[in-house]
Amino acid sequence: QEGHSREVFALRFQKDGALVASAGLDGVGRVWDLRSGRSIM
């Protein structure tokens, strides 16, 4: 999954495993739907 403009530093799964959050040195975080692979927030 590519979507950040700079280095990705953090990654955490939601407890039910449906979503994952990523964030990094671009100062922006993203929430991804693992079923579709799309950024939803």
PDB file of all heavy atoms in Angstrom:
ATOM      1  N   GLN A   1       0.832  -1.205   0.000  1.00  0.00           N
ATOM      2  CA  GLN A   1       0.000   0.000   0.000  1.00  0.00           C
ATOM      3  C   GLN A   1       0.862   1.249   0.000  1.00  0.00           C
ATOM      4  O   GLN A   1       1.663   1.466   0.909  1.00  0.00           O
ATOM      5  CB  GLN A   1      -0.921   0.002   1.221  1.00  0.00           C
ATOM      6  CG  GLN A   1      -2.068   0.968   1.110  1.00  0.00           C
ATOM      7  CD  GLN A   1      -2.967   0.678  -0.087  1.00  0.00           C
ATOM      8  OE1 GLN A   1      -2.883   1.357  -1.087  1.00  0.00           O
ATOM      9  NE2 GLN A   1      -3.777  -0.349   0.008  1.00  0.00           N
ATOM     10  N   GLU A   2       0.697   2.050  -1.023  1.00  0.00           N
ATOM     11  CA  GLU A   2       1.372   3.334  -1.130  1.00  0.00           C
ATOM     12  C   GLU A   2       0.310   4.429  -1.095  1.00  0.00           C
ATOM     13  O   GLU A   2      -0.721   4.317  -1.730  1.00  0.00           O
ATOM     14  CB  GLU A   2       2.186   3.418  -2.417  1.00  0.00           C
ATOM     15  CG  GLU A   2       3.306   2.397  -2.488  1.00  0.00           C
ATOM     16  CD  GLU A   2       4.013   2.387  -3.831  1.00  0.00           C
ATOM     17  OE1 GLU A   2       3.306   2.497  -4.850  1.00  0.00           O
ATOM     18  OE2 GLU A   2       5.240   2.269  -3.840  1.00  0.00           O
ATOM     19  N   GLY A   3       0.569   5.486  -0.358  1.00  0.00           N
ATOM     20  CA  GLY A   3      -0.409   6.559  -0.225  1.00  0.00           C
ATOM     21  C   GLY A   3       0.143   7.725   0.554  1.00  0.00           C
ATOM     22  O   GLY A   3      -0.457   8.798   0.589  1.00  0.00           O
ATOM     23  N   HIS A   4       1.292   7.508   1.169  1.00  0.00           N
ATOM     24  CA  HIS A   4       1.963   8.572   1.911  1.00  0.00           C
ATOM     25  C   HIS A   4       3.016   9.228   1.020  1.00  0.00           C
ATOM     26  O   HIS A   4       3.666   8.551   0.201  1.00  0.00           O
ATOM     27  CB  HIS A   4       2.611   8.019   3.178  1.00  0.00           C
ATOM     28  CG  HIS A   4       1.625   7.618   4.225  1.00  0.00           C
ATOM     29  ND1 HIS A   4       1.060   8.513   5.108  1.00  0.00           N
ATOM     30  CD2 HIS A   4       1.092   6.401   4.521  1.00  0.00           C
ATOM     31  CE1 HIS A   4       0.227   7.871   5.912  1.00  0.00           C
ATOM     32  NE2 HIS A   4       0.223   6.584   5.581  1.00  0.00           N
ATOM     33  N   SER A   5       3.196  10.531   1.198  1.00  0.00           N
ATOM     34  CA  SER A   5       4.157  11.262   0.372  1.00  0.00           C
ATOM     35  C   SER A   5       5.577  11.166   0.916  1.00  0.00           C
ATOM     36  O   SER A   5       6.528  11.531   0.236  1.00  0.00           O
ATOM     37  CB  SER A   5       3.751  12.738   0.267  1.00  0.00           C
ATOM     38  OG  SER A   5       3.735  13.347   1.550  1.00  0.00           O
ATOM     39  N   ARG A   6       5.715  10.668   2.150  1.00  0.00           N
ATOM     40  CA  ARG A   6       7.031  10.498   2.746  1.00  0.00           C
ATOM     41  C   ARG A   6       7.096   9.151   3.475  1.00  0.00           C
ATOM     42  O   ARG A   6       6.202   8.314   3.330  1.00  0.00           O
ATOM     43  CB  ARG A   6       7.347  11.652   3.703  1.00  0.00           C
ATOM     44  CG  ARG A   6       7.603  12.996   3.013  1.00  0.00           C
ATOM     45  CD  ARG A   6       8.164  14.001   3.994  1.00  0.00           C
ATOM     46  NE  ARG A   6       9.452  13.556   4.562  1.00  0.00           N
ATOM     47  CZ  ARG A   6      10.053  14.157   5.596  1.00  0.00           C
ATOM     48  NH1 ARG A   6       9.496  15.206   6.181  1.00  0.00           N
ATOM     49  NH2 ARG A   6      11.213  13.687   6.057  1.00  0.00           N
ATOM     50  N   GLU A   7       8.113   8.977   4.296  1.00  0.00           N
ATOM     51  CA  GLU A   7       8.337   7.717   4.997  1.00  0.00           C
ATOM     52  C   GLU A   7       7.164   7.375   5.919  1.00  0.00           C
ATOM     53  O   GLU A   7       6.603   8.247   6.580  1.00  0.00           O
ATOM     54  CB  GLU A   7       9.621   7.804   5.820  1.00  0.00           C
ATOM     55  CG  GLU A   7      10.884   8.026   4.992  1.00  0.00           C
ATOM     56  CD  GLU A   7      11.218   9.494   4.765  1.00  0.00           C
ATOM     57  OE1 GLU A   7      10.290  10.323   4.850  1.00  0.00           O
ATOM     58  OE2 GLU A   7      12.397   9.803   4.511  1.00  0.00           O
ATOM     59  N   VAL A   8       6.808   6.079   5.967  1.00  0.00           N
ATOM     60  CA  VAL A   8       5.766   5.605   6.882  1.00  0.00           C
ATOM     61  C   VAL A   8       6.447   5.137   8.161  1.00  0.00           C
ATOM     62  O   VAL A   8       7.383   4.327   8.123  1.00  0.00           O
ATOM     63  CB  VAL A   8       4.944   4.459   6.259  1.00  0.00           C
ATOM     64  CG1 VAL A   8       3.817   4.047   7.194  1.00  0.00           C
ATOM     65  CG2 VAL A   8       4.376   4.892   4.910  1.00  0.00           C
ATOM     66  N   PHE A   9       5.981   5.653   9.306  1.00  0.00           N
ATOM     67  CA  PHE A   9       6.673   5.389  10.567  1.00  0.00           C
ATOM     68  C   PHE A   9       5.863   4.523  11.526  1.00  0.00           C
ATOM     69  O   PHE A   9       6.431   3.826  12.360  1.00  0.00           O
ATOM     70  CB  PHE A   9       7.018   6.717  11.251  1.00  0.00           C
ATOM     71  CG  PHE A   9       8.115   6.606  12.269  1.00  0.00           C
ATOM     72  CD1 PHE A   9       9.440   6.787  11.906  1.00  0.00           C
ATOM     73  CD2 PHE A   9       7.837   6.313  13.595  1.00  0.00           C
ATOM     74  CE1 PHE A   9      10.462   6.680  12.827  1.00  0.00           C
ATOM     75  CE2 PHE A   9       8.853   6.202  14.528  1.00  0.00           C
ATOM     76  CZ  PHE A   9      10.169   6.385  14.150  1.00  0.00           C
ATOM     77  N   ALA A  10       4.533   4.576  11.460  1.00  0.00           N
ATOM     78  CA  ALA A  10       3.692   3.869  12.434  1.00  0.00           C
ATOM     79  C   ALA A  10       2.576   3.113  11.729  1.00  0.00           C
ATOM     80  O   ALA A  10       2.060   3.560  10.700  1.00  0.00           O
ATOM     81  CB  ALA A  10       3.097   4.856  13.435  1.00  0.00           C
ATOM     82  N   LEU A  11       2.209   1.973  12.308  1.00  0.00           N
ATOM     83  CA  LEU A  11       1.141   1.136  11.753  1.00  0.00           C
ATOM     84  C   LEU A  11       0.467   0.399  12.896  1.00  0.00           C
ATOM     85  O   LEU A  11       1.136  -0.233  13.712  1.00  0.00           O
ATOM     86  CB  LEU A  11       1.734   0.131  10.759  1.00  0.00           C
ATOM     87  CG  LEU A  11       0.743  -0.749  10.006  1.00  0.00           C
ATOM     88  CD1 LEU A  11       0.153   0.022   8.827  1.00  0.00           C
ATOM     89  CD2 LEU A  11       1.425  -2.019   9.503  1.00  0.00           C
ATOM     90  N   ARG A  12      -0.879   0.473  12.950  1.00  0.00           N
ATOM     91  CA  ARG A  12      -1.598  -0.216  14.025  1.00  0.00           C
ATOM     92  C   ARG A  12      -2.916  -0.766  13.486  1.00  0.00           C
ATOM     93  O   ARG A  12      -3.690  -0.058  12.829  1.00  0.00           O
ATOM     94  CB  ARG A  12      -1.908   0.740  15.182  1.00  0.00           C
ATOM     95  CG  ARG A  12      -0.695   1.251  15.912  1.00  0.00           C
ATOM     96  CD  ARG A  12      -0.024   0.189  16.759  1.00  0.00           C
ATOM     97  NE  ARG A  12      -0.833  -0.145  17.928  1.00  0.00           N
ATOM     98  CZ  ARG A  12      -0.492  -1.047  18.833  1.00  0.00           C
ATOM     99  NH1 ARG A  12       0.629  -1.726  18.711  1.00  0.00           N
ATOM    100  NH2 ARG A  12      -1.262  -1.288  19.871  1.00  0.00           N
ATOM    101  N   PHE A  13      -3.195  -2.052  13.805  1.00  0.00           N
ATOM    102  CA  PHE A  13      -4.452  -2.684  13.420  1.00  0.00           C
ATOM    103  C   PHE A  13      -5.541  -2.398  14.456  1.00  0.00           C
ATOM    104  O   PHE A  13      -5.274  -2.390  15.662  1.00  0.00           O
ATOM    105  CB  PHE A  13      -4.280  -4.204  13.305  1.00  0.00           C
ATOM    106  CG  PHE A  13      -3.480  -4.640  12.121  1.00  0.00           C
ATOM    107  CD1 PHE A  13      -2.156  -5.033  12.271  1.00  0.00           C
ATOM    108  CD2 PHE A  13      -4.035  -4.665  10.854  1.00  0.00           C
ATOM    109  CE1 PHE A  13      -1.393  -5.439  11.184  1.00  0.00           C
ATOM    110  CE2 PHE A  13      -3.296  -5.066   9.757  1.00  0.00           C
ATOM    111  CZ  PHE A  13      -1.962  -5.450   9.919  1.00  0.00           C
ATOM    112  N   GLN A  14      -6.746  -2.166  13.969  1.00  0.00           N
ATOM    113  CA  GLN A  14      -7.922  -2.104  14.836  1.00  0.00           C
ATOM    114  C   GLN A  14      -8.118  -3.480  15.465  1.00  0.00           C
ATOM    115  O   GLN A  14      -7.725  -4.500  14.888  1.00  0.00           O
ATOM    116  CB  GLN A  14      -9.132  -1.697  13.999  1.00  0.00           C
ATOM    117  CG  GLN A  14     -10.408  -1.415  14.775  1.00  0.00           C
ATOM    118  CD  GLN A  14     -11.586  -1.268  13.831  1.00  0.00           C
ATOM    119  OE1 GLN A  14     -11.680  -2.000  12.851  1.00  0.00           O
ATOM    120  NE2 GLN A  14     -12.467  -0.323  14.105  1.00  0.00           N
ATOM    121  N   LYS A  15      -8.737  -3.531  16.643  1.00  0.00           N
ATOM    122  CA  LYS A  15      -8.784  -4.792  17.389  1.00  0.00           C
ATOM    123  C   LYS A  15      -9.557  -5.902  16.679  1.00  0.00           C
ATOM    124  O   LYS A  15      -9.277  -7.084  16.900  1.00  0.00           O
ATOM    125  CB  LYS A  15      -9.359  -4.572  18.792  1.00  0.00           C
ATOM    126  CG  LYS A  15     -10.825  -4.206  18.844  1.00  0.00           C
ATOM    127  CD  LYS A  15     -11.298  -4.121  20.295  1.00  0.00           C
ATOM    128  CE  LYS A  15     -12.790  -3.831  20.391  1.00  0.00           C
ATOM    129  NZ  LYS A  15     -13.251  -3.785  21.788  1.00  0.00           N
ATOM    130  N   ASP A  16     -10.541  -5.553  15.820  1.00  0.00           N
ATOM    131  CA  ASP A  16     -11.262  -6.613  15.104  1.00  0.00           C
ATOM    132  C   ASP A  16     -10.597  -6.956  13.773  1.00  0.00           C
ATOM    133  O   ASP A  16     -11.040  -7.875  13.066  1.00  0.00           O
ATOM    134  CB  ASP A  16     -12.728  -6.236  14.887  1.00  0.00           C
ATOM    135  CG  ASP A  16     -12.912  -5.039  13.972  1.00  0.00           C
ATOM    136  OD1 ASP A  16     -11.916  -4.541  13.428  1.00  0.00           O
ATOM    137  OD2 ASP A  16     -14.067  -4.602  13.796  1.00  0.00           O
ATOM    138  N   GLY A  17      -9.539  -6.218  13.424  1.00  0.00           N
ATOM    139  CA  GLY A  17      -8.759  -6.548  12.242  1.00  0.00           C
ATOM    140  C   GLY A  17      -9.304  -6.050  10.922  1.00  0.00           C
ATOM    141  O   GLY A  17      -8.708  -6.298   9.874  1.00  0.00           O
ATOM    142  N   ALA A  18     -10.417  -5.337  10.936  1.00  0.00           N
ATOM    143  CA  ALA A  18     -11.014  -4.867   9.681  1.00  0.00           C
ATOM    144  C   ALA A  18     -10.308  -3.640   9.135  1.00  0.00           C
ATOM    145  O   ALA A  18     -10.278  -3.411   7.919  1.00  0.00           O
ATOM    146  CB  ALA A  18     -12.496  -4.568   9.881  1.00  0.00           C
ATOM    147  N   LEU A  19      -9.749  -2.831  10.027  1.00  0.00           N
ATOM    148  CA  LEU A  19      -9.113  -1.581   9.633  1.00  0.00           C
ATOM    149  C   LEU A  19      -7.673  -1.539  10.131  1.00  0.00           C
ATOM    150  O   LEU A  19      -7.315  -2.203  11.103  1.00  0.00           O
ATOM    151  CB  LEU A  19      -9.879  -0.378  10.206  1.00  0.00           C
ATOM    152  CG  LEU A  19     -11.361  -0.252   9.875  1.00  0.00           C
ATOM    153  CD1 LEU A  19     -11.972   0.933  10.611  1.00  0.00           C
ATOM    154  CD2 LEU A  19     -11.575  -0.103   8.367  1.00  0.00           C
ATOM    155  N   VAL A  20      -6.874  -0.734   9.460  1.00  0.00           N
ATOM    156  CA  VAL A  20      -5.502  -0.502   9.898  1.00  0.00           C
ATOM    157  C   VAL A  20      -5.193   0.977   9.685  1.00  0.00           C
ATOM    158  O   VAL A  20      -5.664   1.591   8.726  1.00  0.00           O
ATOM    159  CB  VAL A  20      -4.494  -1.387   9.120  1.00  0.00           C
ATOM    160  CG1 VAL A  20      -4.527  -1.087   7.636  1.00  0.00           C
ATOM    161  CG2 VAL A  20      -3.092  -1.228   9.680  1.00  0.00           C
ATOM    162  N   ALA A  21      -4.458   1.563  10.615  1.00  0.00           N
ATOM    163  CA  ALA A  21      -4.067   2.967  10.519  1.00  0.00           C
ATOM    164  C   ALA A  21      -2.573   3.056  10.264  1.00  0.00           C
ATOM    165  O   ALA A  21      -1.785   2.297  10.828  1.00  0.00           O
ATOM    166  CB  ALA A  21      -4.432   3.720  11.793  1.00  0.00           C
ATOM    167  N   SER A  22      -2.190   3.996   9.411  1.00  0.00           N
ATOM    168  CA  SER A  22      -0.776   4.238   9.129  1.00  0.00           C
ATOM    169  C   SER A  22      -0.508   5.733   9.218  1.00  0.00           C
ATOM    170  O   SER A  22      -1.401   6.551   9.026  1.00  0.00           O
ATOM    171  CB  SER A  22      -0.393   3.713   7.739  1.00  0.00           C
ATOM    172  OG  SER A  22      -1.118   4.406   6.729  1.00  0.00           O
ATOM    173  N   ALA A  23       0.732   6.074   9.518  1.00  0.00           N
ATOM    174  CA  ALA A  23       1.111   7.490   9.609  1.00  0.00           C
ATOM    175  C   ALA A  23       2.614   7.595   9.467  1.00  0.00           C
ATOM    176  O   ALA A  23       3.340   6.605   9.608  1.00  0.00           O
ATOM    177  CB  ALA A  23       0.667   8.101  10.935  1.00  0.00           C
ATOM    178  N   GLY A  24       3.062   8.828   9.183  1.00  0.00           N
ATOM    179  CA  GLY A  24       4.489   8.954   9.001  1.00  0.00           C
ATOM    180  C   GLY A  24       4.992  10.373   8.962  1.00  0.00           C
ATOM    181  O   GLY A  24       4.396  11.288   9.532  1.00  0.00           O
ATOM    182  N   LEU A  25       6.097  10.548   8.247  1.00  0.00           N
ATOM    183  CA  LEU A  25       6.822  11.799   8.282  1.00  0.00           C
ATOM    184  C   LEU A  25       6.191  12.882   7.417  1.00  0.00           C
ATOM    185  O   LEU A  25       6.661  14.018   7.406  1.00  0.00           O
ATOM    186  CB  LEU A  25       8.279  11.563   7.869  1.00  0.00           C
ATOM    187  CG  LEU A  25       9.040  10.495   8.671  1.00  0.00           C
ATOM    188  CD1 LEU A  25      10.524  10.565   8.366  1.00  0.00           C
ATOM    189  CD2 LEU A  25       8.790  10.621  10.169  1.00  0.00           C
ATOM    190  N   ASP A  26       5.102  12.549   6.697  1.00  0.00           N
ATOM    191  CA  ASP A  26       4.360  13.578   5.973  1.00  0.00           C
ATOM    192  C   ASP A  26       3.350  14.286   6.878  1.00  0.00           C
ATOM    193  O   ASP A  26       2.666  15.220   6.439  1.00  0.00           O
ATOM    194  CB  ASP A  26       3.652  12.991   4.748  1.00  0.00           C
ATOM    195  CG  ASP A  26       2.714  11.838   5.077  1.00  0.00           C
ATOM    196  OD1 ASP A  26       2.547  11.527   6.281  1.00  0.00           O
ATOM    197  OD2 ASP A  26       2.146  11.244   4.141  1.00  0.00           O
ATOM    198  N   GLY A  27       3.272  13.851   8.153  1.00  0.00           N
ATOM    199  CA  GLY A  27       2.369  14.490   9.101  1.00  0.00           C
ATOM    200  C   GLY A  27       0.909  14.138   8.915  1.00  0.00           C
ATOM    201  O   GLY A  27       0.030  14.756   9.536  1.00  0.00           O
ATOM    202  N   VAL A  28       0.628  13.145   8.092  1.00  0.00           N
ATOM    203  CA  VAL A  28      -0.749  12.736   7.809  1.00  0.00           C
ATOM    204  C   VAL A  28      -0.910  11.254   8.137  1.00  0.00           C
ATOM    205  O   VAL A  28      -0.035  10.442   7.813  1.00  0.00           O
ATOM    206  CB  VAL A  28      -1.109  12.984   6.332  1.00  0.00           C
ATOM    207  CG1 VAL A  28      -2.510  12.464   6.022  1.00  0.00           C
ATOM    208  CG2 VAL A  28      -1.021  14.468   6.001  1.00  0.00           C
ATOM    209  N   GLY A  29      -2.015  10.921   8.779  1.00  0.00           N
ATOM    210  CA  GLY A  29      -2.350   9.527   9.015  1.00  0.00           C
ATOM    211  C   GLY A  29      -3.465   9.094   8.079  1.00  0.00           C
ATOM    212  O   GLY A  29      -4.219   9.930   7.556  1.00  0.00           O
ATOM    213  N   ARG A  30      -3.583   7.808   7.872  1.00  0.00           N
ATOM    214  CA  ARG A  30      -4.653   7.267   7.032  1.00  0.00           C
ATOM    215  C   ARG A  30      -5.232   6.017   7.682  1.00  0.00           C
ATOM    216  O   ARG A  30      -4.506   5.236   8.293  1.00  0.00           O
ATOM    217  CB  ARG A  30      -4.141   6.923   5.625  1.00  0.00           C
ATOM    218  CG  ARG A  30      -3.744   8.135   4.794  1.00  0.00           C
ATOM    219  CD  ARG A  30      -3.317   7.736   3.388  1.00  0.00           C
ATOM    220  NE  ARG A  30      -2.946   8.896   2.577  1.00  0.00           N
ATOM    221  CZ  ARG A  30      -3.811   9.625   1.877  1.00  0.00           C
ATOM    222  NH1 ARG A  30      -5.103   9.279   1.861  1.00  0.00           N
ATOM    223  NH2 ARG A  30      -3.405  10.662   1.177  1.00  0.00           N
ATOM    224  N   VAL A  31      -6.525   5.847   7.537  1.00  0.00           N
ATOM    225  CA  VAL A  31      -7.207   4.628   7.960  1.00  0.00           C
ATOM    226  C   VAL A  31      -7.591   3.866   6.699  1.00  0.00           C
ATOM    227  O   VAL A  31      -8.208   4.429   5.785  1.00  0.00           O
ATOM    228  CB  VAL A  31      -8.451   4.936   8.804  1.00  0.00           C
ATOM    229  CG1 VAL A  31      -9.174   3.635   9.181  1.00  0.00           C
ATOM    230  CG2 VAL A  31      -8.066   5.706  10.070  1.00  0.00           C
ATOM    231  N   TRP A  32      -7.217   2.589   6.665  1.00  0.00           N
ATOM    232  CA  TRP A  32      -7.433   1.752   5.487  1.00  0.00           C
ATOM    233  C   TRP A  32      -8.406   0.622   5.798  1.00  0.00           C
ATOM    234  O   TRP A  32      -8.371   0.041   6.883  1.00  0.00           O
ATOM    235  CB  TRP A  32      -6.115   1.140   5.028  1.00  0.00           C
ATOM    236  CG  TRP A  32      -5.005   2.112   4.821  1.00  0.00           C
ATOM    237  CD1 TRP A  32      -4.166   2.633   5.778  1.00  0.00           C
ATOM    238  CD2 TRP A  32      -4.578   2.690   3.580  1.00  0.00           C
ATOM    239  NE1 TRP A  32      -3.262   3.491   5.218  1.00  0.00           N
ATOM    240  CE2 TRP A  32      -3.482   3.549   3.866  1.00  0.00           C
ATOM    241  CE3 TRP A  32      -5.012   2.562   2.259  1.00  0.00           C
ATOM    242  CZ2 TRP A  32      -2.822   4.263   2.873  1.00  0.00           C
ATOM    243  CZ3 TRP A  32      -4.349   3.277   1.272  1.00  0.00           C
ATOM    244  CH2 TRP A  32      -3.273   4.114   1.579  1.00  0.00           C
ATOM    245  N   ASP A  33      -9.251   0.310   4.831  1.00  0.00           N
ATOM    246  CA  ASP A  33     -10.130  -0.857   4.899  1.00  0.00           C
ATOM    247  C   ASP A  33      -9.371  -2.029   4.296  1.00  0.00           C
ATOM    248  O   ASP A  33      -9.053  -2.020   3.097  1.00  0.00           O
ATOM    249  CB  ASP A  33     -11.420  -0.589   4.120  1.00  0.00           C
ATOM    250  CG  ASP A  33     -12.445  -1.707   4.288  1.00  0.00           C
ATOM    251  OD1 ASP A  33     -12.039  -2.873   4.479  1.00  0.00           O
ATOM    252  OD2 ASP A  33     -13.652  -1.425   4.215  1.00  0.00           O
ATOM    253  N   LEU A  34      -9.060  -3.037   5.109  1.00  0.00           N
ATOM    254  CA  LEU A  34      -8.261  -4.157   4.619  1.00  0.00           C
ATOM    255  C   LEU A  34      -8.998  -4.997   3.580  1.00  0.00           C
ATOM    256  O   LEU A  34      -8.373  -5.672   2.760  1.00  0.00           O
ATOM    257  CB  LEU A  34      -7.831  -5.039   5.785  1.00  0.00           C
ATOM    258  CG  LEU A  34      -6.668  -4.521   6.641  1.00  0.00           C
ATOM    259  CD1 LEU A  34      -6.390  -5.484   7.778  1.00  0.00           C
ATOM    260  CD2 LEU A  34      -5.425  -4.309   5.805  1.00  0.00           C
ATOM    261  N   ARG A  35     -10.331  -4.950   3.596  1.00  0.00           N
ATOM    262  CA  ARG A  35     -11.083  -5.761   2.632  1.00  0.00           C
ATOM    263  C   ARG A  35     -10.982  -5.191   1.225  1.00  0.00           C
ATOM    264  O   ARG A  35     -10.902  -5.930   0.250  1.00  0.00           O
ATOM    265  CB  ARG A  35     -12.545  -5.853   3.070  1.00  0.00           C
ATOM    266  CG  ARG A  35     -12.741  -6.641   4.365  1.00  0.00           C
ATOM    267  CD  ARG A  35     -14.071  -6.360   5.011  1.00  0.00           C
ATOM    268  NE  ARG A  35     -14.143  -4.986   5.519  1.00  0.00           N
ATOM    269  CZ  ARG A  35     -15.094  -4.526   6.313  1.00  0.00           C
ATOM    270  NH1 ARG A  35     -16.071  -5.336   6.686  1.00  0.00           N
ATOM    271  NH2 ARG A  35     -15.092  -3.277   6.723  1.00  0.00           N
ATOM    272  N   SER A  36     -10.992  -3.866   1.124  1.00  0.00           N
ATOM    273  CA  SER A  36     -10.918  -3.234  -0.191  1.00  0.00           C
ATOM    274  C   SER A  36      -9.533  -2.680  -0.507  1.00  0.00           C
ATOM    275  O   SER A  36      -9.212  -2.416  -1.669  1.00  0.00           O
ATOM    276  CB  SER A  36     -11.933  -2.085  -0.272  1.00  0.00           C
ATOM    277  OG  SER A  36     -11.592  -1.035   0.636  1.00  0.00           O
ATOM    278  N   GLY A  37      -8.707  -2.479   0.550  1.00  0.00           N
ATOM    279  CA  GLY A  37      -7.401  -1.887   0.347  1.00  0.00           C
ATOM    280  C   GLY A  37      -7.441  -0.389   0.128  1.00  0.00           C
ATOM    281  O   GLY A  37      -6.440   0.218  -0.237  1.00  0.00           O
ATOM    282  N   ARG A  38      -8.576   0.238   0.387  1.00  0.00           N
ATOM    283  CA  ARG A  38      -8.742   1.662   0.142  1.00  0.00           C
ATOM    284  C   ARG A  38      -8.618   2.484   1.418  1.00  0.00           C
ATOM    285  O   ARG A  38      -8.961   2.015   2.500  1.00  0.00           O
ATOM    286  CB  ARG A  38     -10.099   1.943  -0.506  1.00  0.00           C
ATOM    287  CG  ARG A  38     -10.255   1.351  -1.904  1.00  0.00           C
ATOM    288  CD  ARG A  38     -11.603   1.698  -2.488  1.00  0.00           C
ATOM    289  NE  ARG A  38     -11.755   1.192  -3.843  1.00  0.00           N
ATOM    290  CZ  ARG A  38     -12.849   1.353  -4.590  1.00  0.00           C
ATOM    291  NH1 ARG A  38     -13.887   2.006  -4.079  1.00  0.00           N
ATOM    292  NH2 ARG A  38     -12.895   0.860  -5.819  1.00  0.00           N
ATOM    293  N   SER A  39      -8.137   3.695   1.258  1.00  0.00           N
ATOM    294  CA  SER A  39      -8.088   4.645   2.373  1.00  0.00           C
ATOM    295  C   SER A  39      -9.485   5.215   2.585  1.00  0.00           C
ATOM    296  O   SER A  39     -10.107   5.741   1.643  1.00  0.00           O
ATOM    297  CB  SER A  39      -7.099   5.774   2.058  1.00  0.00           C
ATOM    298  OG  SER A  39      -7.149   6.770   3.053  1.00  0.00           O
ATOM    299  N   ILE A  40      -9.996   5.120   3.816  1.00  0.00           N
ATOM    300  CA  ILE A  40     -11.357   5.584   4.079  1.00  0.00           C
ATOM    301  C   ILE A  40     -11.389   6.858   4.928  1.00  0.00           C
ATOM    302  O   ILE A  40     -12.437   7.465   5.099  1.00  0.00           O
ATOM    303  CB  ILE A  40     -12.185   4.492   4.781  1.00  0.00           C
ATOM    304  CG1 ILE A  40     -11.575   4.131   6.141  1.00  0.00           C
ATOM    305  CG2 ILE A  40     -12.316   3.256   3.904  1.00  0.00           C
ATOM    306  CD1 ILE A  40     -12.458   3.220   6.985  1.00  0.00           C
ATOM    307  N   MET A  41     -10.228   7.287   5.453  1.00  0.00           N
ATOM    308  CA  MET A  41     -10.189   8.489   6.267  1.00  0.00           C
ATOM    309  C   MET A  41      -8.760   9.009   6.364  1.00  0.00           C
ATOM    310  O   MET A  41      -7.819   8.235   6.511  1.00  0.00           O
ATOM    311  CB  MET A  41     -10.735   8.217   7.677  1.00  0.00           C
ATOM    312  CG  MET A  41     -10.735   9.408   8.605  1.00  0.00           C
ATOM    313  SD  MET A  41     -11.437   9.004  10.239  1.00  0.00           S
ATOM    314  CE  MET A  41     -11.088  10.524  11.138  1.00  0.00           C
TER     315      MET A  41
END
